[in-house]
N, C-alpha and C. Protein backbone atom coordinates (compact mmCIF):
# COMPACT_ATOMS: atom_id res chain seq x y z
N MET A 1 84.67 111.97 61.53
CA MET A 1 84.66 111.04 62.64
C MET A 1 85.93 110.19 62.57
N THR A 2 86.56 109.97 63.71
CA THR A 2 87.80 109.20 63.73
C THR A 2 87.52 107.81 64.29
N SER A 3 88.36 106.89 63.90
CA SER A 3 88.22 105.51 64.40
C SER A 3 89.17 105.30 65.57
N ASP A 4 89.09 104.11 66.15
CA ASP A 4 89.96 103.81 67.28
C ASP A 4 91.42 103.77 66.86
N SER A 5 91.69 103.35 65.61
CA SER A 5 93.08 103.32 65.16
C SER A 5 93.63 104.73 64.99
N ASP A 6 92.76 105.71 64.69
CA ASP A 6 93.21 107.09 64.60
C ASP A 6 93.49 107.68 65.98
N ASP A 7 92.86 107.15 66.99
CA ASP A 7 93.08 107.64 68.34
C ASP A 7 94.53 107.41 68.78
N ALA A 8 95.16 106.36 68.29
CA ALA A 8 96.53 106.06 68.66
C ALA A 8 97.50 107.09 68.10
N LEU A 9 97.11 107.81 67.07
CA LEU A 9 98.00 108.77 66.44
C LEU A 9 97.76 110.20 66.90
N SER A 10 96.93 110.41 67.88
CA SER A 10 96.64 111.76 68.34
C SER A 10 97.02 111.91 69.81
N TRP A 11 97.30 113.15 70.18
CA TRP A 11 97.63 113.48 71.56
C TRP A 11 96.36 113.77 72.33
N GLU A 12 96.45 113.79 73.63
CA GLU A 12 95.28 113.99 74.48
C GLU A 12 94.63 115.34 74.22
N GLY A 13 95.38 116.38 73.99
CA GLY A 13 94.81 117.71 73.82
C GLY A 13 94.41 118.03 72.39
N ASP A 14 94.59 117.12 71.44
CA ASP A 14 94.32 117.40 70.03
C ASP A 14 92.87 117.21 69.62
N GLU A 15 92.07 116.54 70.40
CA GLU A 15 90.71 116.24 69.96
C GLU A 15 89.80 117.46 70.13
N SER A 16 88.74 117.45 69.40
CA SER A 16 87.84 118.60 69.41
C SER A 16 86.95 118.60 70.65
N ALA A 17 86.41 119.76 70.95
CA ALA A 17 85.54 119.90 72.12
C ALA A 17 84.25 119.11 71.92
N GLU A 18 83.79 118.99 70.66
CA GLU A 18 82.55 118.24 70.39
C GLU A 18 82.73 116.77 70.74
N ARG A 19 83.88 116.19 70.36
CA ARG A 19 84.11 114.78 70.64
C ARG A 19 84.27 114.55 72.14
N ARG A 20 84.95 115.46 72.82
CA ARG A 20 85.10 115.32 74.27
C ARG A 20 83.74 115.35 74.96
N ALA A 21 82.87 116.25 74.50
CA ALA A 21 81.54 116.35 75.10
C ALA A 21 80.75 115.06 74.85
N ARG A 22 80.89 114.50 73.64
CA ARG A 22 80.18 113.27 73.30
C ARG A 22 80.70 112.09 74.13
N ASP A 23 82.03 112.02 74.28
CA ASP A 23 82.62 110.92 75.05
C ASP A 23 82.26 111.01 76.52
N THR A 24 82.28 112.20 77.08
CA THR A 24 81.96 112.33 78.50
C THR A 24 80.48 112.11 78.76
N ALA A 25 79.64 112.42 77.77
CA ALA A 25 78.20 112.19 77.95
C ALA A 25 77.88 110.70 77.91
N SER A 26 78.66 109.91 77.15
CA SER A 26 78.36 108.48 77.02
C SER A 26 78.93 107.68 78.19
N ARG A 27 79.86 108.24 78.95
CA ARG A 27 80.45 107.52 80.09
C ARG A 27 79.53 107.62 81.31
N PRO A 28 79.40 106.51 82.04
CA PRO A 28 78.63 106.59 83.28
C PRO A 28 79.42 107.34 84.35
N VAL A 29 78.73 108.11 85.13
CA VAL A 29 79.35 108.87 86.20
C VAL A 29 79.39 107.98 87.44
N PRO A 30 80.61 107.78 88.00
CA PRO A 30 80.70 106.91 89.18
C PRO A 30 80.04 107.58 90.38
N ALA A 31 79.40 106.75 91.16
CA ALA A 31 78.74 107.26 92.37
C ALA A 31 79.79 107.57 93.42
N PRO A 32 79.60 108.62 94.20
CA PRO A 32 80.58 108.92 95.24
C PRO A 32 80.58 107.83 96.30
N ALA A 33 81.78 107.58 96.82
CA ALA A 33 81.92 106.54 97.83
C ALA A 33 81.25 107.00 99.12
N PRO A 34 80.55 106.09 99.79
CA PRO A 34 79.91 106.47 101.05
C PRO A 34 80.97 106.72 102.11
N GLU A 35 80.73 107.70 102.94
CA GLU A 35 81.67 108.00 104.00
C GLU A 35 81.48 107.00 105.13
N PRO A 36 82.58 106.53 105.72
CA PRO A 36 82.44 105.56 106.82
C PRO A 36 81.86 106.24 108.05
N ARG A 37 81.03 105.50 108.72
CA ARG A 37 80.42 106.02 109.94
C ARG A 37 81.41 105.90 111.09
N PRO A 38 81.46 106.91 111.91
CA PRO A 38 82.37 106.80 113.07
C PRO A 38 81.86 105.74 114.03
N THR A 39 82.81 104.99 114.56
CA THR A 39 82.46 103.97 115.54
C THR A 39 82.88 104.44 116.92
N ALA A 40 82.53 103.68 117.90
CA ALA A 40 82.85 104.05 119.28
C ALA A 40 84.36 104.06 119.49
N SER A 41 85.10 103.16 118.78
CA SER A 41 86.55 103.10 118.98
C SER A 41 87.27 104.25 118.30
N ALA A 42 86.60 104.98 117.37
CA ALA A 42 87.23 106.10 116.70
C ALA A 42 87.17 107.37 117.51
N HIS A 43 86.54 107.34 118.65
CA HIS A 43 86.48 108.50 119.54
C HIS A 43 87.89 108.82 120.02
N PRO A 44 88.26 110.10 120.16
CA PRO A 44 89.62 110.44 120.55
C PRO A 44 90.08 109.78 121.84
N ALA A 45 89.16 109.48 122.73
CA ALA A 45 89.57 108.84 123.98
C ALA A 45 89.66 107.33 123.82
N GLY A 46 89.22 106.79 122.67
CA GLY A 46 89.20 105.35 122.45
C GLY A 46 90.59 104.81 122.13
N PRO A 47 90.71 103.48 122.05
CA PRO A 47 92.02 102.87 121.82
C PRO A 47 92.54 103.09 120.40
N ALA A 48 91.67 103.40 119.43
CA ALA A 48 92.14 103.56 118.05
C ALA A 48 92.86 104.88 117.86
N ALA A 49 92.76 105.80 118.77
CA ALA A 49 93.40 107.10 118.64
C ALA A 49 94.84 107.08 119.15
N THR A 50 95.35 105.92 119.50
CA THR A 50 96.71 105.82 120.01
C THR A 50 97.71 105.98 118.87
N PRO A 51 98.96 106.27 119.17
CA PRO A 51 99.97 106.40 118.12
C PRO A 51 100.19 105.10 117.35
N ALA A 52 99.85 103.96 117.92
CA ALA A 52 100.02 102.70 117.21
C ALA A 52 99.13 102.64 115.98
N ALA A 53 97.95 103.22 116.07
CA ALA A 53 97.05 103.22 114.91
C ALA A 53 97.61 104.07 113.78
N THR A 54 98.20 105.21 114.11
CA THR A 54 98.79 106.04 113.06
C THR A 54 100.06 105.42 112.53
N ALA A 55 100.82 104.70 113.34
CA ALA A 55 102.02 104.02 112.87
C ALA A 55 101.66 102.91 111.89
N GLU A 56 100.54 102.25 112.14
CA GLU A 56 100.10 101.20 111.23
C GLU A 56 99.75 101.77 109.87
N GLU A 57 99.12 102.94 109.85
CA GLU A 57 98.78 103.58 108.59
C GLU A 57 100.03 104.00 107.84
N GLU A 58 101.08 104.46 108.55
CA GLU A 58 102.31 104.88 107.90
C GLU A 58 103.05 103.70 107.31
N THR A 59 103.04 102.54 107.97
CA THR A 59 103.75 101.39 107.45
C THR A 59 103.03 100.76 106.28
N SER A 60 101.75 100.99 106.13
CA SER A 60 101.03 100.41 105.01
C SER A 60 101.27 101.19 103.73
N ALA A 61 101.84 102.39 103.82
CA ALA A 61 102.14 103.17 102.62
C ALA A 61 103.28 102.51 101.85
N ALA A 62 103.33 102.75 100.56
CA ALA A 62 104.37 102.17 99.72
C ALA A 62 105.72 102.76 100.10
N PRO A 63 106.78 101.92 100.16
CA PRO A 63 108.09 102.44 100.52
C PRO A 63 108.66 103.32 99.40
N ALA A 64 109.42 104.30 99.79
CA ALA A 64 110.02 105.19 98.81
C ALA A 64 111.18 104.47 98.13
N GLY A 65 111.36 104.73 96.85
CA GLY A 65 112.44 104.11 96.10
C GLY A 65 113.76 104.80 96.37
N LEU A 66 114.82 104.22 95.85
CA LEU A 66 116.15 104.80 96.01
C LEU A 66 116.32 105.98 95.06
N SER A 67 117.10 106.94 95.47
CA SER A 67 117.38 108.08 94.61
C SER A 67 118.33 107.65 93.50
N ASN A 68 118.45 108.48 92.49
CA ASN A 68 119.33 108.15 91.37
C ASN A 68 120.78 108.03 91.82
N ALA A 69 121.22 108.94 92.69
CA ALA A 69 122.59 108.89 93.17
C ALA A 69 122.84 107.60 93.96
N MET A 70 121.87 107.19 94.76
CA MET A 70 122.03 105.97 95.55
C MET A 70 122.05 104.74 94.63
N LEU A 71 121.24 104.75 93.59
CA LEU A 71 121.25 103.63 92.64
C LEU A 71 122.60 103.52 91.94
N VAL A 72 123.17 104.65 91.56
CA VAL A 72 124.49 104.64 90.92
C VAL A 72 125.55 104.14 91.91
N LEU A 73 125.48 104.62 93.15
CA LEU A 73 126.44 104.18 94.16
C LEU A 73 126.33 102.68 94.41
N VAL A 74 125.12 102.16 94.53
CA VAL A 74 124.94 100.73 94.75
C VAL A 74 125.47 99.93 93.56
N GLY A 75 125.25 100.42 92.35
CA GLY A 75 125.76 99.72 91.17
C GLY A 75 127.28 99.72 91.11
N VAL A 76 127.89 100.86 91.38
CA VAL A 76 129.36 100.94 91.34
C VAL A 76 129.97 100.09 92.44
N VAL A 77 129.44 100.18 93.65
CA VAL A 77 129.99 99.38 94.75
C VAL A 77 129.74 97.90 94.50
N GLY A 78 128.60 97.55 93.94
CA GLY A 78 128.35 96.14 93.59
C GLY A 78 129.36 95.63 92.58
N GLY A 79 129.71 96.47 91.60
CA GLY A 79 130.74 96.09 90.63
C GLY A 79 132.11 95.94 91.28
N ILE A 80 132.43 96.83 92.22
CA ILE A 80 133.70 96.71 92.94
C ILE A 80 133.73 95.42 93.75
N TYR A 81 132.61 95.09 94.40
CA TYR A 81 132.55 93.85 95.16
C TYR A 81 132.70 92.62 94.24
N LEU A 82 132.15 92.70 93.05
CA LEU A 82 132.33 91.60 92.10
C LEU A 82 133.79 91.46 91.71
N LEU A 83 134.47 92.58 91.48
CA LEU A 83 135.90 92.53 91.19
C LEU A 83 136.69 92.02 92.39
N TYR A 84 136.27 92.36 93.59
CA TYR A 84 136.92 91.84 94.78
C TYR A 84 136.77 90.33 94.87
N THR A 85 135.61 89.82 94.50
CA THR A 85 135.41 88.37 94.52
C THR A 85 136.39 87.69 93.56
N VAL A 86 136.52 88.24 92.36
CA VAL A 86 137.48 87.69 91.40
C VAL A 86 138.90 87.83 91.95
N GLY A 87 139.20 88.95 92.59
CA GLY A 87 140.53 89.14 93.18
C GLY A 87 140.83 88.15 94.28
N TRP A 88 139.83 87.84 95.10
CA TRP A 88 140.04 86.84 96.15
C TRP A 88 140.25 85.45 95.56
N ILE A 89 139.55 85.15 94.47
CA ILE A 89 139.76 83.85 93.83
C ILE A 89 141.18 83.76 93.27
N ALA A 90 141.58 84.77 92.50
CA ALA A 90 142.91 84.75 91.88
C ALA A 90 144.01 84.80 92.94
N GLY A 91 143.87 85.69 93.91
CA GLY A 91 144.90 85.80 94.95
C GLY A 91 144.95 84.58 95.85
N GLY A 92 143.79 84.01 96.16
CA GLY A 92 143.76 82.83 97.03
C GLY A 92 144.35 81.61 96.35
N LEU A 93 144.09 81.46 95.06
CA LEU A 93 144.69 80.32 94.34
C LEU A 93 146.20 80.49 94.22
N ARG A 94 146.62 81.73 94.10
CA ARG A 94 148.06 82.01 94.04
C ARG A 94 148.70 81.77 95.41
N LEU A 95 147.96 81.98 96.46
CA LEU A 95 148.46 81.83 97.82
C LEU A 95 148.40 80.38 98.32
N GLN A 96 147.67 79.52 97.64
CA GLN A 96 147.44 78.15 98.12
C GLN A 96 148.73 77.33 98.28
N PRO A 97 149.69 77.38 97.36
CA PRO A 97 150.91 76.58 97.60
C PRO A 97 151.65 77.00 98.87
N LEU A 98 151.71 78.30 99.12
CA LEU A 98 152.37 78.77 100.34
C LEU A 98 151.56 78.38 101.57
N ALA A 99 150.24 78.46 101.47
CA ALA A 99 149.38 78.12 102.60
C ALA A 99 149.44 76.62 102.89
N SER A 100 149.52 75.78 101.86
CA SER A 100 149.57 74.34 102.12
C SER A 100 150.92 73.94 102.71
N PHE A 101 151.94 74.79 102.55
CA PHE A 101 153.21 74.56 103.23
C PHE A 101 153.07 74.83 104.73
N LEU A 102 152.23 75.81 105.08
CA LEU A 102 152.08 76.19 106.48
C LEU A 102 150.94 75.45 107.19
N VAL A 103 149.79 75.28 106.52
CA VAL A 103 148.63 74.63 107.12
C VAL A 103 148.10 73.56 106.18
N ALA A 104 147.30 72.66 106.74
CA ALA A 104 146.71 71.60 105.92
C ALA A 104 145.62 72.18 105.02
N ASP A 105 145.33 71.46 103.93
CA ASP A 105 144.32 71.94 102.99
C ASP A 105 142.94 72.03 103.61
N PHE A 106 142.60 71.13 104.52
CA PHE A 106 141.28 71.20 105.14
C PHE A 106 141.13 72.44 106.02
N MET A 107 142.22 73.05 106.43
CA MET A 107 142.16 74.30 107.18
C MET A 107 142.12 75.50 106.24
N PHE A 108 142.75 75.38 105.09
CA PHE A 108 142.81 76.50 104.15
C PHE A 108 141.49 76.68 103.40
N LEU A 109 140.87 75.59 103.01
CA LEU A 109 139.70 75.63 102.14
C LEU A 109 138.51 76.41 102.72
N PRO A 110 138.09 76.21 103.99
CA PRO A 110 136.94 76.99 104.48
C PRO A 110 137.21 78.49 104.50
N TRP A 111 138.42 78.89 104.86
CA TRP A 111 138.73 80.32 104.90
C TRP A 111 138.84 80.90 103.51
N PHE A 112 139.28 80.09 102.57
CA PHE A 112 139.34 80.51 101.18
C PHE A 112 137.92 80.74 100.63
N VAL A 113 137.01 79.84 100.95
CA VAL A 113 135.61 79.99 100.51
C VAL A 113 134.97 81.21 101.18
N LEU A 114 135.22 81.41 102.45
CA LEU A 114 134.67 82.58 103.14
C LEU A 114 135.25 83.88 102.59
N ALA A 115 136.51 83.88 102.23
CA ALA A 115 137.12 85.08 101.64
C ALA A 115 136.49 85.40 100.30
N ILE A 116 136.17 84.38 99.53
CA ILE A 116 135.52 84.60 98.24
C ILE A 116 134.09 85.12 98.44
N ALA A 117 133.39 84.59 99.44
CA ALA A 117 132.00 84.98 99.68
C ALA A 117 131.86 86.28 100.46
N ALA A 118 132.93 86.77 101.07
CA ALA A 118 132.85 87.94 101.95
C ALA A 118 132.27 89.18 101.27
N PRO A 119 132.68 89.54 100.05
CA PRO A 119 132.07 90.73 99.44
C PRO A 119 130.56 90.59 99.22
N ALA A 120 130.12 89.44 98.77
CA ALA A 120 128.68 89.23 98.56
C ALA A 120 127.93 89.22 99.89
N LEU A 121 128.52 88.62 100.91
CA LEU A 121 127.88 88.60 102.23
C LEU A 121 127.81 90.00 102.83
N TRP A 122 128.86 90.79 102.64
CA TRP A 122 128.85 92.16 103.16
C TRP A 122 127.77 92.99 102.47
N PHE A 123 127.68 92.86 101.15
CA PHE A 123 126.67 93.59 100.38
C PHE A 123 125.27 93.21 100.84
N LEU A 124 125.02 91.92 100.96
CA LEU A 124 123.71 91.43 101.38
C LEU A 124 123.38 91.87 102.81
N ALA A 125 124.34 91.75 103.72
CA ALA A 125 124.10 92.15 105.10
C ALA A 125 123.84 93.65 105.20
N THR A 126 124.59 94.44 104.45
CA THR A 126 124.37 95.89 104.45
C THR A 126 123.00 96.22 103.90
N TRP A 127 122.61 95.56 102.83
CA TRP A 127 121.31 95.83 102.21
C TRP A 127 120.17 95.49 103.16
N VAL A 128 120.26 94.37 103.84
CA VAL A 128 119.18 93.93 104.72
C VAL A 128 119.16 94.72 106.03
N LEU A 129 120.32 94.93 106.62
CA LEU A 129 120.37 95.55 107.94
C LEU A 129 120.16 97.06 107.92
N THR A 130 120.36 97.70 106.78
CA THR A 130 120.16 99.15 106.71
C THR A 130 118.84 99.51 106.04
N ARG A 131 117.96 98.55 105.88
CA ARG A 131 116.65 98.84 105.31
C ARG A 131 115.87 99.73 106.27
N GLY A 132 115.29 100.79 105.74
CA GLY A 132 114.51 101.69 106.56
C GLY A 132 115.34 102.78 107.24
N ARG A 133 116.63 102.77 107.04
CA ARG A 133 117.47 103.82 107.63
C ARG A 133 117.80 104.86 106.57
N ALA A 134 118.48 105.88 106.96
CA ALA A 134 118.86 106.95 106.04
C ALA A 134 119.81 106.40 104.97
N SER A 135 119.78 107.01 103.80
CA SER A 135 120.62 106.54 102.69
C SER A 135 122.10 106.68 103.00
N TRP A 136 122.47 107.69 103.76
CA TRP A 136 123.89 107.88 104.05
C TRP A 136 124.43 106.76 104.92
N VAL A 137 123.59 106.13 105.73
CA VAL A 137 124.03 105.00 106.56
C VAL A 137 124.36 103.82 105.67
N ARG A 138 123.48 103.53 104.71
CA ARG A 138 123.73 102.43 103.78
C ARG A 138 124.98 102.72 102.95
N ALA A 139 125.13 103.95 102.49
CA ALA A 139 126.31 104.31 101.71
C ALA A 139 127.58 104.18 102.53
N ALA A 140 127.52 104.57 103.80
CA ALA A 140 128.70 104.47 104.66
C ALA A 140 129.11 103.01 104.86
N PHE A 141 128.16 102.14 105.08
CA PHE A 141 128.50 100.73 105.27
C PHE A 141 129.00 100.10 103.97
N LEU A 142 128.42 100.46 102.85
CA LEU A 142 128.91 99.93 101.57
C LEU A 142 130.34 100.40 101.30
N LEU A 143 130.63 101.67 101.56
CA LEU A 143 131.97 102.19 101.32
C LEU A 143 132.97 101.64 102.35
N ALA A 144 132.51 101.36 103.57
CA ALA A 144 133.39 100.71 104.54
C ALA A 144 133.78 99.31 104.06
N GLY A 145 132.86 98.62 103.43
CA GLY A 145 133.18 97.31 102.87
C GLY A 145 134.19 97.39 101.74
N VAL A 146 134.12 98.47 100.95
CA VAL A 146 135.11 98.66 99.88
C VAL A 146 136.50 98.77 100.48
N VAL A 147 136.62 99.42 101.61
CA VAL A 147 137.93 99.60 102.25
C VAL A 147 138.36 98.32 102.97
N LEU A 148 137.44 97.64 103.64
CA LEU A 148 137.80 96.49 104.47
C LEU A 148 138.01 95.19 103.70
N LEU A 149 137.40 95.04 102.57
CA LEU A 149 137.41 93.76 101.87
C LEU A 149 138.41 93.67 100.73
N VAL A 150 139.38 94.55 100.70
CA VAL A 150 140.38 94.55 99.62
C VAL A 150 141.07 93.18 99.59
N PRO A 151 141.16 92.56 98.42
CA PRO A 151 141.82 91.25 98.32
C PRO A 151 143.34 91.40 98.39
N TRP A 152 143.91 91.42 99.58
CA TRP A 152 145.32 91.70 99.77
C TRP A 152 146.23 90.68 99.10
N PRO A 153 145.92 89.40 99.05
CA PRO A 153 146.82 88.49 98.32
C PRO A 153 146.95 88.88 96.84
N PHE A 154 145.89 89.35 96.26
CA PHE A 154 145.95 89.76 94.85
C PHE A 154 146.67 91.09 94.71
N VAL A 155 146.44 92.00 95.63
CA VAL A 155 147.06 93.33 95.55
C VAL A 155 148.55 93.23 95.75
N THR A 156 149.01 92.46 96.72
CA THR A 156 150.43 92.40 97.03
C THR A 156 151.21 91.50 96.09
N VAL A 157 150.67 90.36 95.73
CA VAL A 157 151.40 89.40 94.91
C VAL A 157 150.94 89.43 93.47
N GLY A 158 149.63 89.62 93.25
CA GLY A 158 149.10 89.57 91.90
C GLY A 158 148.92 88.15 91.43
N VAL A 159 148.56 88.00 90.18
CA VAL A 159 148.34 86.67 89.64
C VAL A 159 149.66 86.04 89.21
N ILE A 160 150.57 86.83 88.70
CA ILE A 160 151.82 86.28 88.20
C ILE A 160 153.02 86.73 89.03
N GLY A 161 152.76 87.16 90.26
CA GLY A 161 153.83 87.67 91.12
C GLY A 161 154.81 86.60 91.50
N SER A 162 155.87 87.01 92.15
CA SER A 162 156.93 86.07 92.51
C SER A 162 156.67 85.38 93.82
């Protein structure tokens, strides 16, 4: 006879037929669930047979998760957006003396903050607005952001540029 601590060291198929028979005999058998009675509204001509009722059942199902490839793409693009944020900070601070020569600081600061927040805002907007659509649509918008949000002050001048 084995104890409960020995059960932790055995696989499901390793136990003997005698023990399985003993365990199944000691367990109560659950009663079958009663079948629901049809109501007048469940009649095919009734209002519950409309496509809205089936759409409600489909939306109550658990949403499907992202595929492995999509998870990798979201992670890589999220990392690129994080690097873009750092690039906008470095490039914008490098650009500030030239910008303060052309415009006042109160005009430069809001656009500088928006440039820093743009990658995060693009990622968030893409994530929210493409929910429920095909994965390629989300991937296309994320990759479009990679192309559109390049921190040009950092790319052209760099941190220690002239």
